[in-house]
């Protein structure tokens, strides 16, 4: 084959063609030859039209008191919109998935409220899982990517999960094992999907930042309103679900969960949003900080408070001098603007009460229960070579064939849950894969320090990983943000290197 001369203009044209084309793994010769490609537009002209139409139609059905219709319409409509965006725009598809995780629990509450009956197994909650399941097609089509070095950590994690699934299938039963596998696996699928669609990184940077900023603003404002004056549907949900840990459905009596299922997932989501917003520009991030930080404090989730501090310290250490001073000024400014809220007794009381338990941790019931848990399960978690398998912990136990195991719903330590579930073989593979992802993300962010989103995302990953001491944060929504955080820096660096190799200017976030 004769060599092809690459000029800067032809190289840039090739890069644009591949960036606009269908997502997939890069071919080995992409950096050396320019192959004529018939351009086929994969852009969505109005990416917000269909999601807004979906939520608008859902709200109209709720206003018409068609709650049971919403239970069928919303998950089906969400899947249809996700399918279209999946085929056309990876970034907008992932952004829509995030919005579904943000808002689906609130849709469920509204539907139950207008129906007048609480549905403990509402089909509405399937919507985000059905949307994210589309990434399984990418997993099947691009399975060969697992043979590449960049996907090695994900391959180790998937093998560990399949091992734990096989054990759980036999121990807890197929229903419990499959339900738990979904919650452990879909965050990994997000990382794999982004890895093979790395050419769309500029779109990921733009769309995800907007999703985080505007989603954070909406959820924070609603959360503050929920705390001051709970909406009737939120009060109805809290009473019907019997979640006593969420507080009382009275003004200044609820722990803020906003539009999400409980205060825990909302706190992790808001921490991620606030950390990622450090890479945003404009006044919107300032407004987000003003309403987001009080909302985070009012969740009363101490582990997330600590995680947010760790994320900020990491970012402060990794940024250059100028950006470091900006971050310090922003934190001090937001603290000064949030300080007047602490004058209001109803606001200050729950926050200070939770802070006081940190200072006097020996008298804290939660700490004592966790310490006792470590004593009880440490030996069994570390000496069970085969492990108990997926479905032996968490909500999946409610579907377990072993009725005695069904009593153990909450495993109060992620560090103990991994060896307890996966045994020695799975733990070695899973832990190795996770640590490799963290190390690669750190190195990638240091090699491309101009991308603030990459640095911020590593801070998110470090914070979420540190919270494994309290609960397993590598599954479900928090797990999705962890794997997103360790993947963004890697694909950012790869995109920047490819542009330089093809003679284009380095990507500079707007």
Protein backbone atom coordinates (compact mmCIF):
# COMPACT_ATOMS: atom_id res chain seq x y z
CA UNK A 1 0.00 0.00 0.00
CA UNK A 2 1.38 3.36 -0.97
CA UNK A 3 1.84 5.91 1.82
CA UNK A 4 -0.57 8.81 1.92
CA UNK A 5 0.73 12.30 2.54
CA UNK A 6 -1.13 14.04 5.35
CA UNK A 7 -1.46 17.80 5.31
CA UNK A 8 -2.81 19.74 8.30
CA UNK A 9 -6.00 20.56 6.42
CA UNK A 10 -6.65 16.97 5.36
CA UNK A 11 -5.85 15.74 8.86
CA UNK A 12 -8.31 18.13 10.43
CA UNK A 13 -10.94 17.08 7.89
CA UNK A 14 -10.34 13.43 8.77
CA UNK A 15 -10.65 14.18 12.48
CA UNK A 16 -13.91 16.03 11.97
CA UNK A 17 -15.24 13.21 9.84
CA UNK A 18 -14.47 10.58 12.46
CA UNK A 19 -15.73 12.79 15.28
CA UNK A 20 -19.05 13.29 13.48
CA UNK A 21 -19.32 9.68 12.38
CA UNK A 22 -20.74 6.71 14.23
CA UNK A 23 -19.04 5.95 17.50
CA UNK A 24 -16.78 2.96 17.70
CA UNK A 25 -13.25 1.83 18.40
CA UNK A 26 -10.41 3.52 16.59
CA UNK A 27 -8.74 1.63 13.79
CA UNK A 28 -5.02 0.98 14.18
CA UNK A 29 -4.11 2.97 11.10
CA UNK A 30 -6.23 6.01 11.81
CA UNK A 31 -3.22 8.14 12.78
CA UNK A 32 -1.20 7.21 9.69
CA UNK A 33 -3.60 7.25 6.77
CA UNK A 34 -6.54 9.33 5.69
CA UNK A 35 -9.36 7.19 4.30
CA UNK A 36 -12.08 8.99 2.36
CA UNK A 37 -15.26 8.80 4.45
CA UNK A 38 -18.72 9.60 3.23
CA UNK A 39 -19.97 11.98 5.87
CA UNK A 40 -23.25 11.10 7.49
CA UNK A 41 -24.59 13.59 9.99
CA UNK A 42 -25.08 12.18 13.48
CA UNK A 43 -26.02 15.45 15.07
CA UNK A 44 -29.41 16.02 16.64
CA UNK A 45 -30.75 19.34 15.43
CA UNK A 46 -32.78 20.07 18.53
CA UNK A 47 -31.48 17.68 21.21
CA UNK A 48 -33.76 19.07 23.92
CA UNK A 49 -36.98 18.80 21.95
CA UNK A 50 -37.75 15.15 22.58
CA UNK A 51 -36.76 15.08 26.28
CA UNK A 52 -38.83 18.21 26.91
CA UNK A 53 -41.73 16.69 24.99
CA UNK A 54 -41.49 13.54 27.11
CA UNK A 55 -41.48 15.38 30.43
CA UNK A 56 -44.15 17.81 29.20
CA UNK A 57 -46.50 15.02 28.14
CA UNK A 58 -45.85 13.22 31.44
CA UNK A 59 -46.70 16.37 33.40
CA UNK A 60 -49.89 16.82 31.36
CA UNK A 61 -50.99 13.27 32.20
CA UNK A 62 -50.29 13.94 35.88
CA UNK A 63 -52.36 17.14 35.78
CA UNK A 64 -55.16 15.06 34.26
CA UNK A 65 -54.81 12.60 37.19
CA UNK A 66 -53.72 9.76 34.92
CA UNK A 67 -51.14 8.33 37.30
CA UNK A 68 -51.56 4.73 36.17
CA UNK A 69 -51.15 5.76 32.54
CA UNK A 70 -47.92 7.52 33.49
CA UNK A 71 -46.61 4.24 34.90
CA UNK A 72 -46.69 2.79 31.39
CA UNK A 73 -46.11 5.91 29.29
CA UNK A 74 -43.07 7.32 31.05
CA UNK A 75 -40.74 4.28 30.95
CA UNK A 76 -41.78 3.50 27.36
CA UNK A 77 -41.30 7.12 26.28
CA UNK A 78 -37.98 7.40 28.10
CA UNK A 79 -36.71 4.28 26.35
CA UNK A 80 -37.81 5.60 22.93
CA UNK A 81 -36.11 8.97 23.45
CA UNK A 82 -32.97 7.28 24.79
CA UNK A 83 -32.89 4.95 21.76
CA UNK A 84 -33.00 7.87 19.32
CA UNK A 85 -30.30 9.80 21.17
CA UNK A 86 -28.20 6.64 21.51
CA UNK A 87 -28.24 6.25 17.73
CA UNK A 88 -27.49 9.90 17.02
CA UNK A 89 -25.47 11.54 19.78
CA UNK A 90 -23.56 9.71 22.55
CA UNK A 91 -23.16 12.86 24.65
CA UNK A 92 -26.83 13.85 24.55
CA UNK A 93 -27.79 10.23 25.23
CA UNK A 94 -25.63 10.12 28.37
CA UNK A 95 -26.92 13.53 29.43
CA UNK A 96 -30.50 12.29 29.07
CA UNK A 97 -29.67 9.21 31.16
CA UNK A 98 -28.42 11.55 33.92
CA UNK A 99 -31.64 13.56 33.74
CA UNK A 100 -33.67 10.37 34.09
CA UNK A 101 -31.78 9.44 37.26
CA UNK A 102 -32.31 13.01 38.52
CA UNK A 103 -36.08 13.23 37.93
CA UNK A 104 -37.62 9.75 37.71
CA UNK A 105 -38.29 9.38 41.48
CA UNK A 106 -40.19 12.68 41.46
CA UNK A 107 -42.29 11.51 38.50
CA UNK A 108 -43.09 8.38 40.50
CA UNK A 109 -44.17 10.43 43.53
CA UNK A 110 -46.44 12.64 41.43
CA UNK A 111 -48.02 9.63 39.71
CA UNK A 112 -48.70 7.90 43.02
CA UNK A 113 -50.09 11.08 44.54
CA UNK A 114 -52.63 11.75 41.78
CA UNK A 115 -53.59 8.05 41.80
CA UNK A 116 -54.18 8.19 45.54
CA UNK A 117 -52.24 5.00 46.22
CA UNK A 118 -48.57 4.27 46.87
CA UNK A 119 -47.15 1.68 44.47
CA UNK A 120 -44.10 0.04 46.13
CA UNK A 121 -43.07 -1.54 42.80
CA UNK A 122 -43.77 1.32 40.40
CA UNK A 123 -42.80 0.61 36.76
CA UNK A 124 -41.76 4.24 36.48
CA UNK A 125 -38.50 3.44 38.28
CA UNK A 126 -37.52 1.18 35.38
CA UNK A 127 -37.09 4.21 33.07
CA UNK A 128 -33.44 5.11 33.83
CA UNK A 129 -32.37 1.46 33.90
CA UNK A 130 -34.09 0.78 30.57
CA UNK A 131 -32.33 3.80 29.05
CA UNK A 132 -28.89 2.87 30.35
CA UNK A 133 -29.41 -0.75 29.24
CA UNK A 134 -28.95 0.41 25.64
CA UNK A 135 -25.24 0.58 26.38
CA UNK A 136 -25.39 -3.21 26.37
CA UNK A 137 -25.61 -3.05 22.56
CA UNK A 138 -22.31 -1.17 22.53
CA UNK A 139 -20.88 -3.79 24.87
CA UNK A 140 -21.86 -6.54 22.41
CA UNK A 141 -20.82 -4.70 19.24
CA UNK A 142 -17.50 -3.51 20.65
CA UNK A 143 -16.65 -6.55 22.76
CA UNK A 144 -13.32 -6.75 20.93
CA UNK A 145 -12.31 -3.52 22.66
CA UNK A 146 -11.84 -5.54 25.85
CA UNK A 147 -8.74 -6.97 24.20
CA UNK A 148 -7.12 -3.52 24.16
CA UNK A 149 -4.92 -2.36 26.99
CA UNK A 150 -7.06 0.69 27.73
CA UNK A 151 -10.02 -1.56 28.58
CA UNK A 152 -8.06 -3.99 30.77
CA UNK A 153 -9.30 -2.55 34.13
CA UNK A 154 -12.91 -2.77 32.99
CA UNK A 155 -12.36 -6.36 31.84
CA UNK A 156 -11.06 -7.32 35.29
CA UNK A 157 -14.12 -5.75 36.92
CA UNK A 158 -16.55 -7.48 34.54
CA UNK A 159 -14.91 -10.89 35.16
CA UNK A 160 -15.19 -10.29 38.92
CA UNK A 161 -18.88 -9.40 38.58
CA UNK A 162 -19.61 -12.47 36.45
CA UNK A 163 -17.88 -14.66 39.03
CA UNK A 164 -19.92 -13.12 41.87
CA UNK A 165 -23.07 -13.47 39.75
CA UNK A 166 -22.45 -17.19 39.24
CA UNK A 167 -21.98 -17.71 42.97
CA UNK A 168 -25.04 -15.59 43.79
CA UNK A 169 -27.12 -17.43 41.19
CA UNK A 170 -26.53 -20.63 43.12
CA UNK A 171 -26.65 -19.17 46.65
CA UNK A 172 -29.36 -16.47 46.54
CA UNK A 173 -31.25 -17.46 43.40
CA UNK A 174 -31.50 -16.03 39.87
CA UNK A 175 -33.84 -13.13 40.69
CA UNK A 176 -31.74 -11.70 43.53
CA UNK A 177 -28.45 -12.22 41.68
CA UNK A 178 -29.71 -10.65 38.43
CA UNK A 179 -31.24 -7.61 40.14
CA UNK A 180 -28.01 -6.95 42.05
CA UNK A 181 -25.85 -7.54 38.96
CA UNK A 182 -27.72 -4.78 37.12
CA UNK A 183 -26.93 -2.25 39.84
CA UNK A 184 -23.25 -3.27 39.93
CA UNK A 185 -22.81 -3.55 36.16
CA UNK A 186 -24.44 -0.50 34.60
CA UNK A 187 -21.88 1.98 36.03
CA UNK A 188 -19.17 -0.13 34.38
CA UNK A 189 -21.15 -0.06 31.13
CA UNK A 190 -21.13 3.75 31.26
CA UNK A 191 -17.32 3.72 31.47
CA UNK A 192 -17.04 1.25 28.58
CA UNK A 193 -19.47 3.25 26.45
CA UNK A 194 -17.49 6.45 26.96
CA UNK A 195 -14.23 4.62 26.30
CA UNK A 196 -15.32 3.49 22.83
CA UNK A 197 -16.95 6.83 21.98
CA UNK A 198 -13.92 8.90 23.01
CA UNK A 199 -13.99 10.86 19.72
CA UNK A 200 -17.05 12.70 21.05
CA UNK A 201 -15.19 14.11 24.05
CA UNK A 202 -15.84 17.80 23.17
CA UNK A 203 -19.56 16.99 23.10
CA UNK A 204 -19.27 15.14 26.41
CA UNK A 205 -17.50 18.15 27.92
CA UNK A 206 -20.17 20.58 26.77
CA UNK A 207 -23.30 18.49 27.35
CA UNK A 208 -22.35 17.00 30.71
CA UNK A 209 -21.35 20.37 32.14
CA UNK A 210 -24.70 21.85 31.12
CA UNK A 211 -26.49 18.80 32.48
CA UNK A 212 -24.73 19.09 35.83
CA UNK A 213 -25.13 22.85 36.20
CA UNK A 214 -28.80 23.10 35.20
CA UNK A 215 -29.71 19.81 36.84
CA UNK A 216 -27.99 20.95 40.03
CA UNK A 217 -29.81 24.28 39.99
CA UNK A 218 -33.19 22.62 39.54
CA UNK A 219 -32.66 19.97 42.21
CA UNK A 220 -31.09 22.37 44.72
CA UNK A 221 -33.89 24.91 44.43
CA UNK A 222 -36.53 22.21 44.72
CA UNK A 223 -34.67 20.69 47.67
CA UNK A 224 -34.64 23.97 49.58
CA UNK A 225 -38.35 24.42 48.86
CA UNK A 226 -38.96 20.85 50.03
CA UNK A 227 -37.19 21.59 53.32
CA UNK A 228 -39.03 24.85 53.99
CA UNK A 229 -42.47 23.70 52.82
CA UNK A 230 -42.80 20.04 51.73
CA UNK A 231 -45.01 19.49 48.71
CA UNK A 232 -48.10 17.30 49.32
CA UNK A 233 -46.79 14.55 47.03
CA UNK A 234 -43.45 14.51 48.86
CA UNK A 235 -45.24 14.23 52.22
CA UNK A 236 -47.46 11.47 50.79
CA UNK A 237 -44.40 9.56 49.57
CA UNK A 238 -42.53 9.92 52.87
CA UNK A 239 -45.50 8.69 54.92
CA UNK A 240 -46.32 5.81 52.55
CA UNK A 241 -42.75 4.60 52.12
CA UNK A 242 -42.20 4.60 55.92
CA UNK A 243 -38.63 5.87 55.55
CA UNK A 244 -38.23 7.17 59.09
CA UNK A 245 -34.59 8.09 58.48
CA UNK A 246 -35.72 10.81 56.05
CA UNK A 247 -37.34 12.87 58.81
CA UNK A 248 -40.89 14.11 59.20
CA UNK A 249 -43.08 15.59 56.40
CA UNK A 250 -43.37 18.97 58.12
CA UNK A 251 -41.67 22.32 57.44
CA UNK A 252 -38.00 22.17 58.46
CA UNK A 253 -38.42 18.51 59.41
CA UNK A 254 -37.32 16.61 56.29
CA UNK A 255 -33.81 15.71 55.24
CA UNK A 256 -33.48 17.07 51.73
CA UNK A 257 -33.77 14.43 49.01
CA UNK A 258 -35.12 16.82 46.35
CA UNK A 259 -36.31 14.97 43.24
CA UNK A 260 -34.37 11.79 44.05
CA UNK A 261 -35.31 8.71 46.03
CA UNK A 262 -33.65 9.58 49.34
CA UNK A 263 -31.13 11.96 50.86
CA UNK A 264 -28.17 9.59 50.34
CA UNK A 265 -28.22 9.37 46.52
CA UNK A 266 -29.14 13.04 46.27
CA UNK A 267 -26.20 14.07 48.45
CA UNK A 268 -23.71 12.10 46.32
CA UNK A 269 -25.27 13.49 43.13
CA UNK A 270 -25.13 17.07 44.39
CA UNK A 271 -21.55 16.65 45.61
CA UNK A 272 -20.62 15.42 42.12
CA UNK A 273 -22.42 18.31 40.47
CA UNK A 274 -20.80 20.93 42.70
CA UNK A 275 -17.34 19.46 42.10
CA UNK A 276 -17.83 19.18 38.33
CA UNK A 277 -19.18 22.73 38.16
CA UNK A 278 -15.68 23.99 39.02
CA UNK A 279 -14.93 23.49 35.32
CA UNK A 280 -17.95 25.55 34.22
CA UNK A 281 -17.94 29.23 33.40
CA UNK A 282 -20.43 32.01 33.81
CA UNK A 283 -22.72 33.18 36.57
CA UNK A 284 -24.77 29.99 36.61
CA UNK A 285 -22.11 28.10 38.58
CA UNK A 286 -22.07 30.87 41.20
CA UNK A 287 -25.84 30.61 41.60
CA UNK A 288 -25.46 26.83 41.77
CA UNK A 289 -22.96 27.16 44.60
CA UNK A 290 -25.23 29.53 46.52
CA UNK A 291 -28.19 27.14 46.48
CA UNK A 292 -26.32 23.83 46.15
CA UNK A 293 -24.13 24.03 49.23
CA UNK A 294 -27.05 24.77 51.63
CA UNK A 295 -29.02 21.93 50.01
CA UNK A 296 -26.04 19.59 50.49
CA UNK A 297 -25.78 20.57 54.16
CA UNK A 298 -29.50 19.99 54.68
CA UNK A 299 -29.23 16.40 53.44
CA UNK A 300 -27.45 15.73 56.77
CA UNK A 301 -25.34 13.03 55.07
CA UNK A 302 -22.02 13.33 56.89
CA UNK A 303 -20.12 10.88 54.67
CA UNK A 304 -20.88 13.04 51.64
CA UNK A 305 -19.83 16.19 53.50
CA UNK A 306 -16.48 14.53 54.11
CA UNK A 307 -16.31 13.35 50.50
CA UNK A 308 -16.91 16.87 49.23
CA UNK A 309 -14.11 18.22 51.43
CA UNK A 310 -11.76 15.53 50.06
CA UNK A 311 -12.74 16.45 46.48
CA UNK A 312 -12.07 20.13 47.12
CA UNK A 313 -8.71 19.40 48.75
CA UNK A 314 -7.73 17.22 45.80
CA UNK A 315 -8.69 19.92 43.30
CA UNK A 316 -6.88 22.57 45.32
CA UNK A 317 -3.71 20.47 45.30
CA UNK A 318 -3.85 19.63 41.59
CA UNK A 319 -4.73 23.03 40.11
CA UNK A 320 -2.18 25.61 39.02
CA UNK A 321 -1.54 28.69 41.13
CA UNK A 322 -4.04 30.97 39.39
CA UNK A 323 -6.84 28.40 39.35
CA UNK A 324 -6.05 27.53 42.96
CA UNK A 325 -6.60 31.10 44.08
CA UNK A 326 -9.86 31.25 42.14
CA UNK A 327 -11.08 28.10 43.84
CA UNK A 328 -10.12 29.43 47.27
CA UNK A 329 -11.87 32.73 46.58
CA UNK A 330 -14.97 30.93 45.34
CA UNK A 331 -15.16 28.70 48.44
CA UNK A 332 -14.71 31.65 50.78
CA UNK A 333 -17.25 33.72 48.83
CA UNK A 334 -19.85 30.98 48.90
CA UNK A 335 -19.25 30.41 52.61
CA UNK A 336 -19.88 34.09 53.27
CA UNK A 337 -23.07 34.08 51.19
CA UNK A 338 -24.36 30.92 52.91
CA UNK A 339 -23.50 32.17 56.39
CA UNK A 340 -26.73 34.23 56.82
CA UNK A 341 -28.74 31.01 56.51
CA UNK A 342 -27.11 29.76 59.68
CA UNK A 343 -28.76 32.63 61.56
CA UNK A 344 -32.16 31.01 60.95
CA UNK A 345 -32.72 28.57 63.80
CA UNK A 346 -34.78 26.09 61.77
CA UNK A 347 -32.00 25.84 59.20
CA UNK A 348 -29.05 25.87 61.57
CA UNK A 349 -30.41 23.33 64.05
CA UNK A 350 -30.33 20.14 61.90
CA UNK A 351 -26.97 21.07 60.40
CA UNK A 352 -25.32 21.85 63.73
CA UNK A 353 -26.85 18.73 65.28
CA UNK A 354 -25.16 16.57 62.65
CA UNK A 355 -21.89 18.46 63.03
CA UNK A 356 -21.98 17.86 66.78
CA UNK A 357 -22.09 14.09 66.22
CA UNK A 358 -18.82 14.36 64.29
CA UNK A 359 -17.17 16.09 67.23
CA UNK A 360 -18.53 13.55 69.73
CA UNK A 361 -18.35 10.49 67.53
CA UNK A 362 -18.04 8.08 70.45
CA UNK A 363 -21.64 8.83 71.46
CA UNK A 364 -23.01 8.62 67.93
CA UNK A 365 -25.41 5.68 67.43
CA UNK A 366 -24.51 5.35 63.76
CA UNK A 367 -20.80 5.14 64.54
CA UNK A 368 -21.36 2.57 67.28
CA UNK A 369 -23.52 0.44 64.98
CA UNK A 370 -20.90 0.59 62.23
CA UNK A 371 -18.09 -0.29 64.65
CA UNK A 372 -20.07 -3.28 65.88
CA UNK A 373 -20.76 -4.26 62.30
CA UNK A 374 -17.04 -4.27 61.48
CA UNK A 375 -16.36 -6.52 64.48
CA UNK A 376 -19.13 -8.93 63.48
CA UNK A 377 -18.50 -9.22 59.76
CA UNK A 378 -14.75 -8.67 59.50
CA UNK A 379 -13.87 -12.30 60.11
CA UNK A 380 -16.55 -13.75 57.84
CA UNK A 381 -15.91 -11.25 55.06
CA UNK A 382 -12.19 -11.97 54.96
CA UNK A 383 -12.24 -15.72 55.55
CA UNK A 384 -15.00 -16.69 53.12
CA UNK A 385 -12.84 -17.66 50.14
CA UNK A 386 -15.64 -18.26 47.63
CA UNK A 387 -17.84 -15.36 48.75
CA UNK A 388 -21.63 -15.23 49.10
CA UNK A 389 -22.26 -13.86 45.60
CA UNK A 390 -24.40 -11.05 44.22
CA UNK A 391 -27.86 -10.98 45.76
CA UNK A 392 -26.63 -11.73 49.28
CA UNK A 393 -26.64 -8.04 50.28
CA UNK A 394 -28.65 -4.93 49.49
CA UNK A 395 -32.19 -4.70 48.17
CA UNK A 396 -31.62 -7.82 46.09
CA UNK A 397 -32.00 -9.92 49.24
CA UNK A 398 -35.75 -9.27 49.10
CA UNK A 399 -35.80 -11.45 45.98
CA UNK A 400 -33.54 -14.10 47.48
CA UNK A 401 -34.48 -17.77 47.60
CA UNK A 402 -32.77 -17.83 51.00
CA UNK A 403 -35.37 -16.24 53.28
CA UNK A 404 -32.89 -15.97 56.15
CA UNK A 405 -30.65 -13.75 53.99
CA UNK A 406 -33.56 -11.48 53.15
CA UNK A 407 -33.33 -9.95 56.63
CA UNK A 408 -29.96 -8.39 55.76
CA UNK A 409 -30.87 -5.45 53.53
CA UNK A 410 -28.19 -2.87 54.29
CA UNK A 411 -24.52 -3.79 54.35
CA UNK A 412 -23.04 -0.89 56.30
CA UNK A 413 -19.59 -0.89 54.71
CA UNK A 414 -18.49 -0.98 51.09
CA UNK A 415 -15.03 -2.15 52.09
CA UNK A 416 -16.55 -5.20 53.76
CA UNK A 417 -19.28 -5.81 51.20
CA UNK A 418 -16.85 -6.39 48.32
CA UNK A 419 -14.95 -9.33 49.91
CA UNK A 420 -18.14 -10.68 51.49
CA UNK A 421 -19.89 -10.80 48.10
CA UNK A 422 -16.97 -11.62 45.80
CA UNK A 423 -14.73 -13.76 47.95
CA UNK A 424 -11.00 -13.78 47.37
CA UNK A 425 -10.94 -14.34 43.57
CA UNK A 426 -13.49 -11.65 42.80
CA UNK A 427 -12.06 -9.18 45.31
CA UNK A 428 -8.56 -9.38 43.82
CA UNK A 429 -9.89 -8.80 40.28
CA UNK A 430 -12.39 -6.09 41.24
CA UNK A 431 -10.01 -4.15 43.50
CA UNK A 432 -7.20 -4.32 40.95
CA UNK A 433 -9.46 -2.97 38.23
CA UNK A 434 -10.78 -0.10 40.38
CA UNK A 435 -7.30 0.95 41.53
CA UNK A 436 -6.00 0.81 37.95
CA UNK A 437 -8.84 3.10 36.84
CA UNK A 438 -8.05 5.59 39.60
CA UNK A 439 -4.33 5.61 38.80
CA UNK A 440 -4.90 6.04 35.05
CA UNK A 441 -7.37 8.86 35.64
CA UNK A 442 -4.90 10.65 37.91
CA UNK A 443 -2.04 10.32 35.38
CA UNK A 444 -4.24 11.43 32.49
CA UNK A 445 -5.40 14.53 34.36
CA UNK A 446 -1.80 15.45 35.21
CA UNK A 447 -0.71 15.01 31.58
CA UNK A 448 -3.54 17.27 30.40
CA UNK A 449 -3.89 19.85 33.20
CA UNK A 450 -5.62 22.48 31.06
CA UNK A 451 -8.85 20.48 31.10
CA UNK A 452 -10.44 21.46 34.43
CA UNK A 453 -13.27 18.98 33.93
CA UNK A 454 -10.74 16.14 33.90
CA UNK A 455 -9.18 17.34 37.17
CA UNK A 456 -12.57 17.87 38.79
CA UNK A 457 -13.79 14.43 37.73
CA UNK A 458 -10.79 12.74 39.38
CA UNK A 459 -11.67 14.62 42.57
CA UNK A 460 -15.20 13.18 42.32
CA UNK A 461 -13.83 9.65 41.85
CA UNK A 462 -11.45 9.98 44.82
CA UNK A 463 -14.24 11.35 47.02
CA UNK A 464 -16.70 8.59 46.10
CA UNK A 465 -14.05 5.90 46.57
CA UNK A 466 -13.16 7.27 50.02
CA UNK A 467 -16.81 6.94 51.04
CA UNK A 468 -16.56 3.14 50.64
CA UNK A 469 -15.74 3.12 54.36
CA UNK A 470 -19.42 3.89 55.06
CA UNK A 471 -21.39 2.30 52.20
CA UNK A 472 -20.78 0.71 48.81
CA UNK A 473 -20.55 3.76 46.55
CA UNK A 474 -19.37 1.89 43.44
CA UNK A 475 -22.86 0.70 42.51
CA UNK A 476 -26.05 2.38 41.27
CA UNK A 477 -26.05 6.17 40.81
CA UNK A 478 -22.96 6.89 42.91
CA UNK A 479 -21.11 4.16 41.03
CA UNK A 480 -22.10 5.73 37.72
CA UNK A 481 -20.51 9.01 38.82
CA UNK A 482 -17.37 7.20 39.99
CA UNK A 483 -16.85 5.42 36.67
CA UNK A 484 -17.71 8.59 34.77
CA UNK A 485 -15.13 10.43 36.87
CA UNK A 486 -12.31 7.95 36.12
CA UNK A 487 -13.15 7.80 32.40
CA UNK A 488 -13.42 11.49 31.47
CA UNK A 489 -9.70 12.30 32.04
CA UNK A 490 -8.59 9.28 29.99
CA UNK A 491 -10.71 10.05 26.93
CA UNK A 492 -9.82 13.75 27.26
CA UNK A 493 -6.11 12.95 27.03
CA UNK A 494 -6.65 10.49 24.19
CA UNK A 495 -8.65 13.05 22.20
CA UNK A 496 -6.01 15.73 22.76
CA UNK A 497 -3.21 13.40 21.65
CA UNK A 498 -5.09 12.36 18.52
CA UNK A 499 -5.67 15.97 17.52
CA UNK A 500 -1.99 16.75 17.96
CA UNK A 501 -1.05 13.65 15.96
CA UNK A 502 -3.28 14.77 13.08
CA UNK A 503 -1.91 18.29 13.14
CA UNK A 504 -4.96 19.97 14.66
CA UNK A 505 -5.02 22.46 17.47
CA UNK A 506 -5.37 21.05 20.97
CA UNK A 507 -8.90 20.95 22.38
CA UNK A 508 -9.56 24.00 24.52
CA UNK A 509 -12.77 23.85 26.58
CA UNK A 510 -14.94 26.88 26.02
